[in-house]
Amino acid sequence: MKQSQTYIPTLRDVPADADARSHQLLLRAGYIRQNAAGIYSFLPLGFRVLERVKQIIKEEMEAAGLAEVLMPAMQLSDLWKESGRWSVYGPELMRLEDRNGREFALGATHEEMITSLLRDEVNSYKQLPLGMFQIQTKYRDELRPRFGLLRGREFLMKDAYTFHATEESLDEAYDTLFAAYERICQRCGLNYRAVLADSGAIGGTDNHEFMALADIGEDTIAYSDESNYAANIEMATFAVPPVNALPDPKPLQEIETPDQKTIKDIAAFLNKPEQECIKTLLLRADEDYILALLRGDHELNEVKLAAFLGVPSLEFATAEETVSLMGASHGSLGPIGVSSDVRIVADHAVAALSDANCGANKDGWHYTGVHAGRDIAPAGDAIYTDIRNVVEGDLSPDGKGTIRFARGIEVGHVFKLGTKYSTAMNATILDQNGKSIPVIMGCYGIGVSRLMAAIAEQSNVEQGLLWPENVAPFAVHLLVMNVKDADQVKLGDEIYETLTKQGIAVLYDDRKERAGVKFADADLIGIQQRIIVGKQAVERNVEMSVAHAEKVVVAVDDIESKLQ
């Protein structure tokens, strides 16, 4: 493609509202342009990168045995009401009505749509397993779209679904798709981790997120420094150290602590470290109240607590509820003398405390000398479980190494949905015994436009982008330094035609611009292999470089052998 005939509007200055490195460079290099918050146009270069990423994904999905389909973006609300998600998905679901008052949603995801397709056509175990995928624009009304393509309101996504008669069949497909996702990440040149994750609003069990490691990432990854263990911090666990025999308990003492409400306040007031304080939080699970106990320096993991309680979500009790139920405000709560109407759930670390302090359930008063085994429950009692976020230095749950943290961008997610949607939407088959059973499902998503941004976030240098060759918009960037020099233009045209006929994608900078402008634009655009036609054209020599390495002089006849 001749650069004089395409649209690549490069920018010299960093856009003021672009915080992420990928966002800055994709704008500056002329790959994308913003139309509204979280909504972007893909310009010629950006579209070519998207197409190359899509091709990698398609190849791996088809190799995994899935067939490509395309489903509607507009989905009747009836389907979402069948699954129960119309009222619970949240404000991110973009809803609209047609002229007849019928309710629709712009597809944020397609579990309901694909389930409705299969239930009308598939009725026997003999027709399974089946797998299908699509690459389509999705819509989510993000509250705070940011970081360019990393969190948008309109984005390109690959979603795939598999259907099974048995759990064993689902397990096999899950492993196959997991391996396909690993190959996709590798072929795209990503530094990534596959991590255990929470399924969120989609539902299901046994799921992994594929995270591109990047400082700008919104997710925290906990990983072992000596093994392959990795998990989203919401799901990360650790090896619980045994509780040693606690020292002889000190007497429980109630003391006045005026205006001391936070763990930091209490620790300073009592001259004790925060890890010897008991953090007490009151939450509501449906109609039940839960008192969650943590060591003072630890943070509650609501996902873990909700899973332990077997509830979909939790809410913190209001100030009014807290005073009514506990007789004290937040900051003065504790587990001693609590009503039987309140269930106590304590983290494992609390069981190891022997001279701790906690709220006395009277405003401005706390207990000291709290001994977990005497005043709360003996170690090993059913109230103790894992309800906290891991911290760096925790023992890895597989017993190999310790936990470390990294930031990550979620680019893919694989789920075992089970029968969540097929049961709700009556998608059943007859099994080998003629019994009607719900179809078992798997779900596998990749944010295609987000994947492009994640690659850009990892693949750049000071001068600009530096795409991995598998996803670069062109294989070669050919630059003619002086279009007023007939020898340079003639040689540039010859190289362009020769390489193009050989099936090599070439971006040919034939513009009437100064050499400095061409080099600056080439640095921004980020094609690794570069051919420069300059003053040595009369001798049929050019300069070549790869990834900003030192230029070497090459005879025209040797160009093909020098290209990687």
Protein backbone atom coordinates (compact mmCIF):
# COMPACT_ATOMS: atom_id res chain seq x y z
CA MET A 1 0.00 0.00 0.00
CA LYS A 2 1.30 3.42 -0.95
CA GLN A 3 1.34 5.79 1.98
CA SER A 4 0.39 8.71 -0.26
CA GLN A 5 -2.89 6.93 -1.03
CA THR A 6 -4.02 5.97 2.47
CA TYR A 7 -5.12 7.76 5.62
CA ILE A 8 -2.51 7.72 8.40
CA PRO A 9 -2.92 10.98 10.37
CA THR A 10 0.04 10.94 12.76
CA LEU A 11 0.32 13.32 15.72
CA ARG A 12 3.47 14.84 17.17
CA ASP A 13 2.07 15.71 20.60
CA VAL A 14 0.70 13.31 23.21
CA PRO A 15 -3.10 13.77 23.52
CA ALA A 16 -3.93 15.33 26.88
CA ASP A 17 -6.68 12.83 27.76
CA ALA A 18 -4.66 9.68 26.93
CA ASP A 19 -3.12 8.15 30.06
CA ALA A 20 -2.19 4.66 28.87
CA ARG A 21 0.89 4.26 26.69
CA SER A 22 -1.07 2.14 24.20
CA HIS A 23 -3.80 4.80 23.96
CA GLN A 24 -1.26 7.55 23.33
CA LEU A 25 0.60 5.65 20.64
CA LEU A 26 -2.44 4.27 18.83
CA LEU A 27 -3.74 7.85 18.55
CA ARG A 28 -0.39 9.40 17.63
CA ALA A 29 0.45 6.73 15.04
CA GLY A 30 -2.90 7.12 13.29
CA TYR A 31 -4.42 3.73 14.17
CA ILE A 32 -7.60 4.93 15.91
CA ARG A 33 -9.67 8.05 16.52
CA GLN A 34 -12.19 8.66 19.29
CA ASN A 35 -15.81 9.38 18.33
CA ALA A 36 -17.18 9.51 21.89
CA ALA A 37 -16.05 8.32 25.30
CA GLY A 38 -15.19 4.65 24.90
CA ILE A 39 -16.13 4.57 21.19
CA TYR A 40 -13.46 4.53 18.48
CA SER A 41 -13.02 4.37 14.73
CA PHE A 42 -10.31 2.05 13.44
CA LEU A 43 -8.34 3.78 10.69
CA PRO A 44 -6.61 1.80 7.90
CA LEU A 45 -3.60 0.76 9.98
CA GLY A 46 -5.73 -0.12 13.00
CA PHE A 47 -8.12 -2.14 10.88
CA ARG A 48 -5.26 -4.15 9.40
CA VAL A 49 -3.95 -5.02 12.88
CA LEU A 50 -7.45 -6.04 13.96
CA GLU A 51 -7.77 -8.26 10.88
CA ARG A 52 -4.46 -9.98 11.59
CA VAL A 53 -5.42 -10.60 15.21
CA LYS A 54 -8.82 -11.89 14.06
CA GLN A 55 -7.15 -14.26 11.60
CA ILE A 56 -5.00 -15.78 14.34
CA ILE A 57 -8.09 -16.26 16.50
CA LYS A 58 -10.09 -17.79 13.65
CA GLU A 59 -7.35 -20.25 12.81
CA GLU A 60 -7.08 -21.43 16.39
CA MET A 61 -10.86 -21.68 16.89
CA GLU A 62 -11.27 -23.71 13.72
CA ALA A 63 -8.30 -25.92 14.69
CA ALA A 64 -10.11 -26.54 17.99
CA GLY A 65 -13.15 -27.78 16.05
CA LEU A 66 -15.44 -24.74 16.30
CA ALA A 67 -17.47 -23.33 13.40
CA GLU A 68 -17.89 -19.60 12.83
CA VAL A 69 -21.34 -17.99 13.00
CA LEU A 70 -22.69 -14.45 13.28
CA MET A 71 -25.56 -13.65 15.62
CA PRO A 72 -27.63 -10.45 15.92
CA ALA A 73 -26.35 -7.58 17.99
CA MET A 74 -29.95 -6.64 18.88
CA GLN A 75 -31.44 -9.18 21.28
CA LEU A 76 -35.06 -9.39 22.45
CA SER A 77 -35.46 -8.79 26.16
CA ASP A 78 -37.56 -11.97 26.34
CA LEU A 79 -34.40 -14.09 26.11
CA TRP A 80 -32.69 -12.18 28.91
CA LYS A 81 -35.82 -12.43 31.04
CA GLU A 82 -35.83 -16.20 30.52
CA SER A 83 -32.30 -16.46 31.89
CA GLY A 84 -33.07 -14.02 34.70
CA ARG A 85 -30.37 -11.55 33.68
CA TRP A 86 -32.58 -8.74 32.37
CA SER A 87 -33.13 -7.42 35.88
CA VAL A 88 -29.73 -8.28 37.38
CA TYR A 89 -27.13 -7.57 34.69
CA GLY A 90 -26.95 -3.92 35.68
CA PRO A 91 -26.75 -0.51 33.98
CA GLU A 92 -23.93 -1.69 31.71
CA LEU A 93 -26.54 -3.45 29.56
CA MET A 94 -27.64 -1.02 26.82
CA ARG A 95 -31.42 -1.27 26.47
CA LEU A 96 -33.72 0.19 23.82
CA GLU A 97 -37.24 -0.10 22.39
CA ASP A 98 -38.44 -0.35 18.81
CA ARG A 99 -41.37 1.64 17.43
CA ASN A 100 -43.79 -1.01 18.72
CA GLY A 101 -42.53 -0.74 22.27
CA ARG A 102 -40.70 -4.07 22.28
CA GLU A 103 -37.63 -4.11 24.52
CA PHE A 104 -34.21 -5.03 23.17
CA ALA A 105 -30.64 -5.10 24.43
CA LEU A 106 -27.54 -4.36 22.41
CA GLY A 107 -25.49 -7.51 22.83
CA ALA A 108 -23.06 -7.30 25.74
CA THR A 109 -22.66 -11.07 25.48
CA HIS A 110 -24.56 -13.88 23.69
CA GLU A 111 -25.22 -16.75 26.10
CA GLU A 112 -29.00 -16.31 25.81
CA MET A 113 -28.94 -15.97 22.03
CA ILE A 114 -26.81 -19.06 21.39
CA THR A 115 -28.83 -21.13 23.87
CA SER A 116 -32.08 -20.19 22.13
CA LEU A 117 -30.59 -21.22 18.78
CA LEU A 118 -29.52 -24.66 19.96
CA ARG A 119 -32.60 -25.57 21.98
CA ASP A 120 -34.82 -25.46 18.89
CA GLU A 121 -32.58 -27.70 16.76
CA VAL A 122 -30.58 -30.02 19.04
CA ASN A 123 -32.55 -32.64 20.95
CA SER A 124 -30.30 -35.70 21.28
CA TYR A 125 -26.95 -36.50 22.87
CA LYS A 126 -25.97 -37.93 19.46
CA GLN A 127 -25.81 -34.37 18.09
CA LEU A 128 -23.25 -33.31 20.68
CA PRO A 129 -20.63 -32.06 21.30
CA LEU A 130 -20.96 -28.90 19.24
CA GLY A 131 -18.92 -25.69 19.24
CA MET A 132 -19.41 -22.32 17.56
CA PHE A 133 -17.76 -18.91 17.68
CA GLN A 134 -18.32 -15.42 16.34
CA ILE A 135 -16.36 -12.17 16.14
CA GLN A 136 -18.72 -9.27 16.62
CA THR A 137 -19.10 -5.79 18.09
CA LYS A 138 -20.31 -5.76 21.69
CA TYR A 139 -21.86 -2.92 23.68
CA ARG A 140 -21.53 -2.18 27.39
CA ASP A 141 -22.39 1.17 28.97
CA GLU A 142 -19.24 1.45 31.05
CA LEU A 143 -19.49 3.99 33.84
CA ARG A 144 -15.90 5.16 33.32
CA PRO A 145 -14.52 4.18 29.92
CA ARG A 146 -10.78 4.79 29.95
CA PHE A 147 -7.37 3.78 28.66
CA GLY A 148 -8.54 3.88 25.04
CA LEU A 149 -9.38 0.43 23.72
CA LEU A 150 -8.70 -1.22 27.09
CA ARG A 151 -12.09 -0.24 28.52
CA GLY A 152 -14.62 0.87 25.94
CA ARG A 153 -18.36 1.03 25.46
CA GLU A 154 -18.27 -0.44 21.96
CA PHE A 155 -15.64 -3.09 21.26
CA LEU A 156 -14.85 -6.10 19.13
CA MET A 157 -15.08 -9.48 20.83
CA LYS A 158 -14.73 -13.14 19.95
CA ASP A 159 -17.20 -15.25 21.89
CA ALA A 160 -17.38 -19.03 21.57
CA TYR A 161 -19.72 -21.62 23.05
CA THR A 162 -19.57 -25.39 23.35
CA PHE A 163 -22.45 -27.79 24.10
CA HIS A 164 -22.16 -31.20 25.74
CA ALA A 165 -24.08 -34.16 27.04
CA THR A 166 -21.57 -34.99 29.79
CA GLU A 167 -19.23 -33.20 32.16
CA GLU A 168 -16.34 -35.24 30.77
CA SER A 169 -17.02 -33.86 27.31
CA LEU A 170 -17.07 -30.30 28.68
CA ASP A 171 -13.76 -30.90 30.47
CA GLU A 172 -12.18 -32.08 27.23
CA ALA A 173 -13.43 -29.03 25.31
CA TYR A 174 -12.32 -26.70 28.09
CA ASP A 175 -8.79 -28.09 27.98
CA THR A 176 -8.75 -27.81 24.17
CA LEU A 177 -9.91 -24.19 24.20
CA PHE A 178 -7.54 -23.34 27.06
CA ALA A 179 -4.64 -24.59 24.94
CA ALA A 180 -5.96 -22.64 21.93
CA TYR A 181 -5.99 -19.45 24.01
CA GLU A 182 -2.41 -20.06 25.04
CA ARG A 183 -1.42 -20.37 21.38
CA ILE A 184 -3.33 -17.19 20.50
CA CYS A 185 -1.47 -15.24 23.19
CA GLN A 186 1.86 -16.69 22.08
CA ARG A 187 1.25 -15.99 18.39
CA CYS A 188 0.30 -12.41 19.26
CA GLY A 189 3.62 -11.98 21.07
CA LEU A 190 2.07 -11.42 24.50
CA ASN A 191 3.73 -11.79 27.86
CA TYR A 192 0.75 -13.33 29.64
CA ARG A 193 -0.47 -15.46 32.51
CA ALA A 194 -3.54 -17.73 32.68
CA VAL A 195 -5.06 -17.14 36.11
CA LEU A 196 -7.88 -18.59 38.19
CA ALA A 197 -10.78 -16.14 38.14
CA ASP A 198 -14.27 -15.31 39.36
CA SER A 199 -17.06 -15.87 36.82
CA GLY A 200 -18.94 -12.68 37.69
CA ALA A 201 -22.30 -11.95 36.03
CA ILE A 202 -21.92 -14.68 33.39
CA GLY A 203 -21.90 -17.45 35.99
CA GLY A 204 -20.42 -20.91 35.92
CA THR A 205 -17.46 -22.61 37.57
CA ASP A 206 -13.84 -23.53 36.81
CA ASN A 207 -12.77 -20.51 34.81
CA HIS A 208 -9.53 -18.79 33.91
CA GLU A 209 -8.64 -15.31 32.76
CA PHE A 210 -5.81 -14.74 30.32
CA MET A 211 -3.91 -11.70 31.51
CA ALA A 212 -1.41 -9.63 29.55
CA LEU A 213 1.11 -8.37 32.09
CA ALA A 214 1.25 -4.57 32.13
CA ASP A 215 1.59 -1.88 34.79
CA ILE A 216 -1.53 -0.15 33.44
CA GLY A 217 -3.60 -3.31 34.05
CA GLU A 218 -6.71 -2.91 36.19
CA ASP A 219 -6.44 -6.39 37.69
CA THR A 220 -3.96 -7.62 40.29
CA ILE A 221 -2.50 -11.07 39.65
CA ALA A 222 -1.17 -13.16 42.50
CA TYR A 223 1.41 -15.70 41.35
CA SER A 224 3.98 -18.04 42.83
CA ASP A 225 7.62 -17.14 42.37
CA GLU A 226 8.52 -20.85 42.09
CA SER A 227 5.63 -22.51 40.22
CA ASN A 228 2.93 -21.97 37.58
CA TYR A 229 0.29 -21.02 40.15
CA ALA A 230 -1.48 -17.77 39.26
CA ALA A 231 -4.88 -16.31 40.13
CA ASN A 232 -6.80 -13.08 40.05
CA ILE A 233 -6.53 -11.54 43.51
CA GLU A 234 -10.27 -12.12 44.00
CA MET A 235 -9.70 -15.87 43.72
CA ALA A 236 -6.11 -16.26 44.95
CA THR A 237 -5.57 -18.56 47.90
CA PHE A 238 -2.58 -19.46 50.02
CA ALA A 239 -1.28 -22.28 52.16
CA VAL A 240 -2.69 -21.75 55.65
CA PRO A 241 0.09 -22.09 58.23
CA PRO A 242 -0.73 -24.26 61.25
CA VAL A 243 -1.87 -22.48 64.39
CA ASN A 244 0.72 -23.11 67.08
CA ALA A 245 -0.20 -23.34 70.73
CA LEU A 246 -1.14 -19.84 71.84
CA PRO A 247 0.43 -18.24 74.92
CA ASP A 248 -1.54 -18.30 78.13
CA PRO A 249 -4.34 -15.80 77.71
CA LYS A 250 -4.25 -12.45 79.39
CA PRO A 251 -7.41 -11.27 81.13
CA LEU A 252 -10.02 -9.71 78.91
CA GLN A 253 -10.22 -6.02 79.73
CA GLU A 254 -12.63 -3.34 78.55
CA ILE A 255 -11.02 0.09 78.07
CA GLU A 256 -12.22 3.44 76.89
CA THR A 257 -11.02 4.48 73.41
CA PRO A 258 -12.62 7.86 72.70
CA ASP A 259 -12.84 8.82 69.00
CA GLN A 260 -10.69 5.84 67.94
CA LYS A 261 -12.57 4.22 65.05
CA THR A 262 -10.16 2.84 62.47
CA ILE A 263 -7.65 0.04 62.87
CA LYS A 264 -4.89 2.59 62.37
CA ASP A 265 -6.36 4.78 65.14
CA ILE A 266 -6.70 1.91 67.59
CA ALA A 267 -3.25 0.49 66.89
CA ALA A 268 -1.66 3.88 67.51
CA PHE A 269 -3.79 4.55 70.60
CA LEU A 270 -2.90 1.18 72.19
CA ASN A 271 0.67 1.20 70.88
CA LYS A 272 0.16 -2.18 69.22
CA PRO A 273 0.85 -3.34 65.63
CA GLU A 274 -2.17 -3.52 63.32
CA GLN A 275 -1.75 -7.30 62.95
CA GLU A 276 -2.68 -7.67 66.64
CA CYS A 277 -6.00 -5.91 66.08
CA ILE A 278 -9.23 -7.61 64.98
CA LYS A 279 -11.05 -5.88 62.13
CA THR A 280 -14.82 -6.43 62.48
CA LEU A 281 -17.18 -5.82 59.55
CA LEU A 282 -20.96 -6.21 59.48
CA LEU A 283 -22.46 -7.36 56.18
CA ARG A 284 -25.85 -8.51 54.95
CA ALA A 285 -26.39 -11.66 52.88
CA ASP A 286 -30.01 -11.56 51.74
CA GLU A 287 -31.88 -11.30 55.08
CA ASP A 288 -29.04 -12.63 57.25
CA TYR A 289 -26.33 -10.61 58.97
CA ILE A 290 -22.68 -11.68 58.95
CA LEU A 291 -19.91 -10.44 61.22
CA ALA A 292 -16.64 -10.89 59.31
CA LEU A 293 -13.44 -10.94 61.38
CA LEU A 294 -10.02 -10.23 59.95
CA ARG A 295 -6.57 -9.46 61.24
CA GLY A 296 -6.15 -5.70 61.29
CA ASP A 297 -3.64 -5.55 58.42
CA HIS A 298 -5.72 -7.76 56.11
CA GLU A 299 -8.50 -6.85 53.65
CA LEU A 300 -11.83 -8.63 53.22
CA ASN A 301 -12.32 -10.64 50.02
CA GLU A 302 -16.07 -10.41 49.39
CA VAL A 303 -15.95 -13.00 46.61
CA LYS A 304 -14.50 -15.61 48.97
CA LEU A 305 -16.94 -14.76 51.75
CA ALA A 306 -19.94 -14.90 49.41
CA ALA A 307 -18.77 -18.27 48.08
CA PHE A 308 -18.35 -19.64 51.61
CA LEU A 309 -21.86 -18.50 52.52
CA GLY A 310 -23.33 -19.75 49.25
CA VAL A 311 -24.86 -16.39 48.30
CA PRO A 312 -24.52 -14.46 45.02
CA SER A 313 -23.48 -11.18 46.63
CA LEU A 314 -23.03 -9.26 49.88
CA GLU A 315 -23.79 -5.75 51.06
CA PHE A 316 -22.29 -3.82 53.94
CA ALA A 317 -24.81 -3.01 56.64
CA THR A 318 -25.94 0.59 56.80
CA ALA A 319 -25.08 2.82 59.76
CA GLU A 320 -28.68 2.55 61.00
CA GLU A 321 -28.69 -1.26 60.71
CA THR A 322 -25.38 -1.49 62.52
CA VAL A 323 -26.48 0.57 65.53
CA SER A 324 -29.85 -1.23 65.71
CA LEU A 325 -28.33 -4.72 65.61
CA MET A 326 -25.00 -4.25 67.39
CA GLY A 327 -25.68 -1.33 69.71
CA ALA A 328 -22.64 0.54 68.39
CA SER A 329 -21.36 2.28 65.30
CA HIS A 330 -18.78 1.11 62.77
CA GLY A 331 -15.36 1.24 64.40
CA SER A 332 -16.51 -0.08 67.76
CA LEU A 333 -17.73 -3.52 66.68
CA GLY A 334 -16.44 -6.85 67.92
CA PRO A 335 -17.39 -10.54 68.16
CA ILE A 336 -17.74 -10.80 71.95
CA GLY A 337 -21.26 -11.02 73.33
CA VAL A 338 -22.88 -10.83 69.88
CA SER A 339 -26.53 -11.79 69.41
CA SER A 340 -27.22 -15.24 68.00
CA ASP A 341 -28.99 -13.47 65.10
CA VAL A 342 -25.55 -12.55 63.76
CA ARG A 343 -23.36 -15.24 62.21
CA ILE A 344 -19.63 -14.88 62.85
CA VAL A 345 -17.16 -15.84 60.12
CA ALA A 346 -13.48 -15.33 60.89
CA ASP A 347 -10.40 -15.54 58.73
CA HIS A 348 -7.82 -18.23 59.51
CA ALA A 349 -5.33 -15.59 60.67
CA VAL A 350 -7.64 -14.53 63.50
CA ALA A 351 -7.31 -18.00 65.06
CA ALA A 352 -3.63 -17.28 65.76
CA LEU A 353 -4.28 -14.16 67.88
CA SER A 354 -3.78 -14.38 71.64
CA ASP A 355 -3.44 -10.82 72.94
CA ALA A 356 -5.50 -8.88 70.48
CA ASN A 357 -7.99 -6.06 70.72
CA CYS A 358 -11.43 -5.58 69.19
CA GLY A 359 -14.45 -3.36 69.56
CA ALA A 360 -16.64 -3.83 72.63
CA ASN A 361 -19.91 -3.02 70.82
CA LYS A 362 -20.11 0.25 72.71
CA ASP A 363 -19.13 3.47 71.01
CA GLY A 364 -15.71 4.58 72.25
CA TRP A 365 -14.84 1.28 73.98
CA HIS A 366 -12.64 -1.69 73.03
CA TYR A 367 -11.49 -4.96 74.53
CA THR A 368 -7.82 -5.82 75.03
CA GLY A 369 -6.40 -9.23 75.90
CA VAL A 370 -8.64 -10.96 73.36
CA HIS A 371 -7.69 -14.64 73.02
CA ALA A 372 -9.20 -16.19 69.87
CA GLY A 373 -9.50 -19.68 71.28
CA ARG A 374 -11.13 -18.51 74.50
CA ASP A 375 -13.17 -15.48 73.46
CA ILE A 376 -14.18 -16.28 69.87
CA ALA A 377 -13.80 -19.99 69.00
CA PRO A 378 -11.08 -22.64 69.20
CA ALA A 379 -8.72 -22.98 66.22
CA GLY A 380 -10.14 -25.40 63.69
CA ASP A 381 -13.72 -24.45 64.51
CA ALA A 382 -16.10 -24.14 61.56
CA ILE A 383 -16.22 -20.36 61.79
CA TYR A 384 -12.64 -20.08 60.49
CA THR A 385 -12.10 -19.99 56.73
CA ASP A 386 -10.24 -18.05 54.03
CA ILE A 387 -12.01 -14.70 53.57
CA ARG A 388 -9.13 -12.31 52.95
CA ASN A 389 -7.10 -11.07 50.03
CA VAL A 390 -3.70 -12.67 49.73
CA VAL A 391 -0.67 -10.51 50.41
CA GLU A 392 2.81 -10.72 48.99
CA GLY A 393 4.86 -13.19 50.97
CA ASP A 394 1.98 -15.61 51.65
CA LEU A 395 2.84 -19.24 50.98
CA SER A 396 1.71 -20.44 47.54
CA PRO A 397 -1.24 -22.87 47.87
CA ASP A 398 0.66 -25.55 45.94
CA GLY A 399 3.45 -25.41 48.51
CA LYS A 400 5.98 -24.08 46.00
CA GLY A 401 7.35 -20.62 46.67
CA THR A 402 5.63 -17.49 47.92
CA ILE A 403 3.02 -15.16 46.48
CA ARG A 404 4.06 -12.15 44.41
CA PHE A 405 1.89 -9.53 42.68
CA ALA A 406 1.75 -8.19 39.14
CA ARG A 407 -0.73 -6.05 37.20
CA GLY A 408 -2.59 -7.50 34.26
CA ILE A 409 -4.97 -6.65 31.41
CA GLU A 410 -7.69 -9.26 30.93
CA VAL A 411 -7.72 -10.21 27.24
CA GLY A 412 -9.55 -13.54 27.43
CA HIS A 413 -11.77 -15.57 29.73
CA VAL A 414 -12.84 -19.23 29.58
CA PHE A 415 -15.79 -20.59 31.60
CA LYS A 416 -17.46 -23.85 32.39
CA LEU A 417 -21.04 -22.58 32.39
CA GLY A 418 -22.58 -25.94 33.21
CA THR A 419 -26.38 -25.85 32.99
CA LYS A 420 -26.97 -22.27 34.21
CA TYR A 421 -28.54 -21.12 30.94
CA SER A 422 -29.87 -24.39 29.57
CA THR A 423 -31.88 -25.04 32.74
CA ALA A 424 -33.29 -21.50 32.86
CA MET A 425 -34.15 -21.54 29.14
CA ASN A 426 -35.27 -25.18 28.88
CA ALA A 427 -32.54 -26.28 26.45
CA THR A 428 -32.69 -30.04 26.92
CA ILE A 429 -31.65 -33.22 25.12
CA LEU A 430 -32.40 -36.90 25.50
CA ASP A 431 -29.45 -38.82 26.93
CA GLN A 432 -28.43 -42.43 26.18
CA ASN A 433 -31.25 -43.69 28.40
CA GLY A 434 -33.90 -41.51 26.80
CA LYS A 435 -33.98 -39.20 29.81
CA SER A 436 -34.39 -35.46 29.29
CA ILE A 437 -31.37 -33.55 30.66
CA PRO A 438 -30.21 -29.94 30.32
CA VAL A 439 -27.39 -29.28 27.87
CA ILE A 440 -24.02 -28.62 29.52
CA MET A 441 -22.28 -25.49 28.21
CA GLY A 442 -18.88 -23.84 28.03
CA CYS A 443 -18.17 -20.21 27.14
CA TYR A 444 -14.93 -18.69 25.84
CA GLY A 445 -14.36 -14.98 25.17
CA ILE A 446 -11.54 -12.81 23.82
CA GLY A 447 -11.65 -9.02 23.63
CA VAL A 448 -10.21 -8.57 20.15
CA SER A 449 -9.83 -4.79 20.23
CA ARG A 450 -8.61 -4.99 23.82
CA LEU A 451 -6.08 -7.63 22.75
CA MET A 452 -4.79 -5.21 20.12
CA ALA A 453 -4.36 -2.51 22.80
CA ALA A 454 -2.67 -4.96 25.19
CA ILE A 455 -0.15 -5.87 22.48
CA ALA A 456 0.52 -2.17 21.93
CA GLU A 457 0.90 -1.67 25.69
CA GLN A 458 3.64 -4.29 25.79
CA SER A 459 5.19 -3.74 22.35
CA ASN A 460 6.58 -0.24 22.17
CA VAL A 461 9.81 1.67 22.57
CA GLU A 462 10.58 5.31 23.30
CA GLN A 463 10.09 6.31 19.66
CA GLY A 464 6.73 4.60 19.16
CA LEU A 465 5.05 1.24 18.60
CA LEU A 466 6.96 -1.92 17.71
CA TRP A 467 4.47 -4.58 16.67
CA PRO A 468 5.23 -8.31 16.85
CA GLU A 469 5.52 -9.47 13.25
CA ASN A 470 2.45 -11.73 13.41
CA VAL A 471 0.12 -8.78 14.03
CA ALA A 472 1.94 -5.84 12.40
CA PRO A 473 -0.16 -4.01 9.78
CA PHE A 474 2.57 -4.63 7.19
CA ALA A 475 5.63 -6.85 7.05
CA VAL A 476 7.91 -4.16 5.64
CA HIS A 477 8.03 -0.37 5.73
CA LEU A 478 9.67 0.94 2.56
CA LEU A 479 10.81 4.58 2.64
CA VAL A 480 12.06 6.69 -0.27
CA MET A 481 14.00 9.59 1.19
CA ASN A 482 13.80 12.05 -1.69
CA VAL A 483 10.94 11.71 -4.16
CA LYS A 484 12.57 14.41 -6.34
CA ASP A 485 15.44 12.00 -7.03
CA ALA A 486 14.48 9.91 -10.07
CA ASP A 487 16.87 7.08 -9.16
CA GLN A 488 15.40 6.75 -5.67
CA VAL A 489 11.81 6.77 -6.93
CA LYS A 490 12.56 4.24 -9.68
CA LEU A 491 14.29 1.87 -7.25
CA GLY A 492 11.59 2.32 -4.62
CA ASP A 493 8.87 1.48 -7.17
CA GLU A 494 10.81 -1.58 -8.30
CA ILE A 495 11.25 -2.92 -4.74
CA TYR A 496 7.59 -2.26 -3.94
CA GLU A 497 6.36 -4.12 -7.00
CA THR A 498 8.75 -7.04 -6.51
CA LEU A 499 7.92 -7.61 -2.84
CA THR A 500 4.20 -7.15 -3.41
CA LYS A 501 4.20 -9.76 -6.19
CA GLN A 502 5.91 -12.14 -3.75
CA GLY A 503 2.99 -11.71 -1.34
CA ILE A 504 4.89 -9.54 1.12
CA ALA A 505 2.75 -6.77 2.64
CA VAL A 506 4.59 -3.47 2.14
CA LEU A 507 3.75 0.02 3.35
CA TYR A 508 5.47 2.25 0.80
CA ASP A 509 6.22 5.80 1.97
CA ASP A 510 6.24 7.62 -1.38
CA ARG A 511 5.01 10.92 0.10
CA LYS A 512 6.49 14.29 -0.76
CA GLU A 513 7.77 14.80 2.77
CA ARG A 514 11.13 15.50 4.35
CA ALA A 515 13.23 12.54 5.49
CA GLY A 516 12.85 13.58 9.12
CA VAL A 517 9.05 13.45 8.87
CA LYS A 518 9.17 10.01 7.25
CA PHE A 519 11.47 8.59 9.91
CA ALA A 520 9.36 10.06 12.73
CA ASP A 521 6.18 8.58 11.25
CA ALA A 522 7.85 5.22 10.67
CA ASP A 523 9.00 5.17 14.31
CA LEU A 524 5.45 5.84 15.49
CA ILE A 525 3.82 3.27 13.17
CA GLY A 526 6.12 0.54 14.44
CA ILE A 527 6.71 -1.92 11.60
CA GLN A 528 9.83 -3.84 12.58
CA GLN A 529 11.47 -4.38 9.18
CA ARG A 530 12.45 -1.21 7.35
CA ILE A 531 13.99 -0.63 3.91
CA ILE A 532 15.39 2.84 3.23
CA VAL A 533 16.02 4.00 -0.33
CA GLY A 534 18.44 6.90 -0.23
CA LYS A 535 21.54 8.33 -1.91
CA GLN A 536 22.96 4.88 -2.70
CA ALA A 537 20.02 4.11 -4.99
CA VAL A 538 22.13 4.89 -8.05
CA GLU A 539 24.37 1.97 -7.00
CA ARG A 540 21.28 -0.22 -6.40
CA ASN A 541 21.98 -0.33 -2.69
CA VAL A 542 19.55 0.32 0.18
CA GLU A 543 19.72 0.40 3.95
CA MET A 544 17.82 -2.14 6.04
CA SER A 545 17.08 -2.33 9.77
CA VAL A 546 15.01 -4.47 12.13
CA ALA A 547 13.39 -3.12 15.29
CA HIS A 548 15.50 0.04 15.40
CA ALA A 549 18.74 -1.93 15.22
CA GLU A 550 21.72 -0.46 13.37
CA LYS A 551 21.15 -0.01 9.64
CA VAL A 552 23.08 -2.21 7.21
CA VAL A 553 23.72 -1.58 3.52
CA VAL A 554 22.20 -4.27 1.30
CA ALA A 555 22.23 -4.77 -2.45
CA VAL A 556 18.76 -4.78 -3.99
CA ASP A 557 19.17 -8.34 -5.21
CA ASP A 558 19.85 -9.47 -1.62
CA ILE A 559 16.79 -7.85 -0.02
CA GLU A 560 14.63 -10.98 -0.08
CA SER A 561 17.26 -13.11 1.65
CA LYS A 562 17.79 -10.42 4.30
CA LEU A 563 14.11 -10.08 5.19
CA GLN A 564 13.24 -12.11 8.27
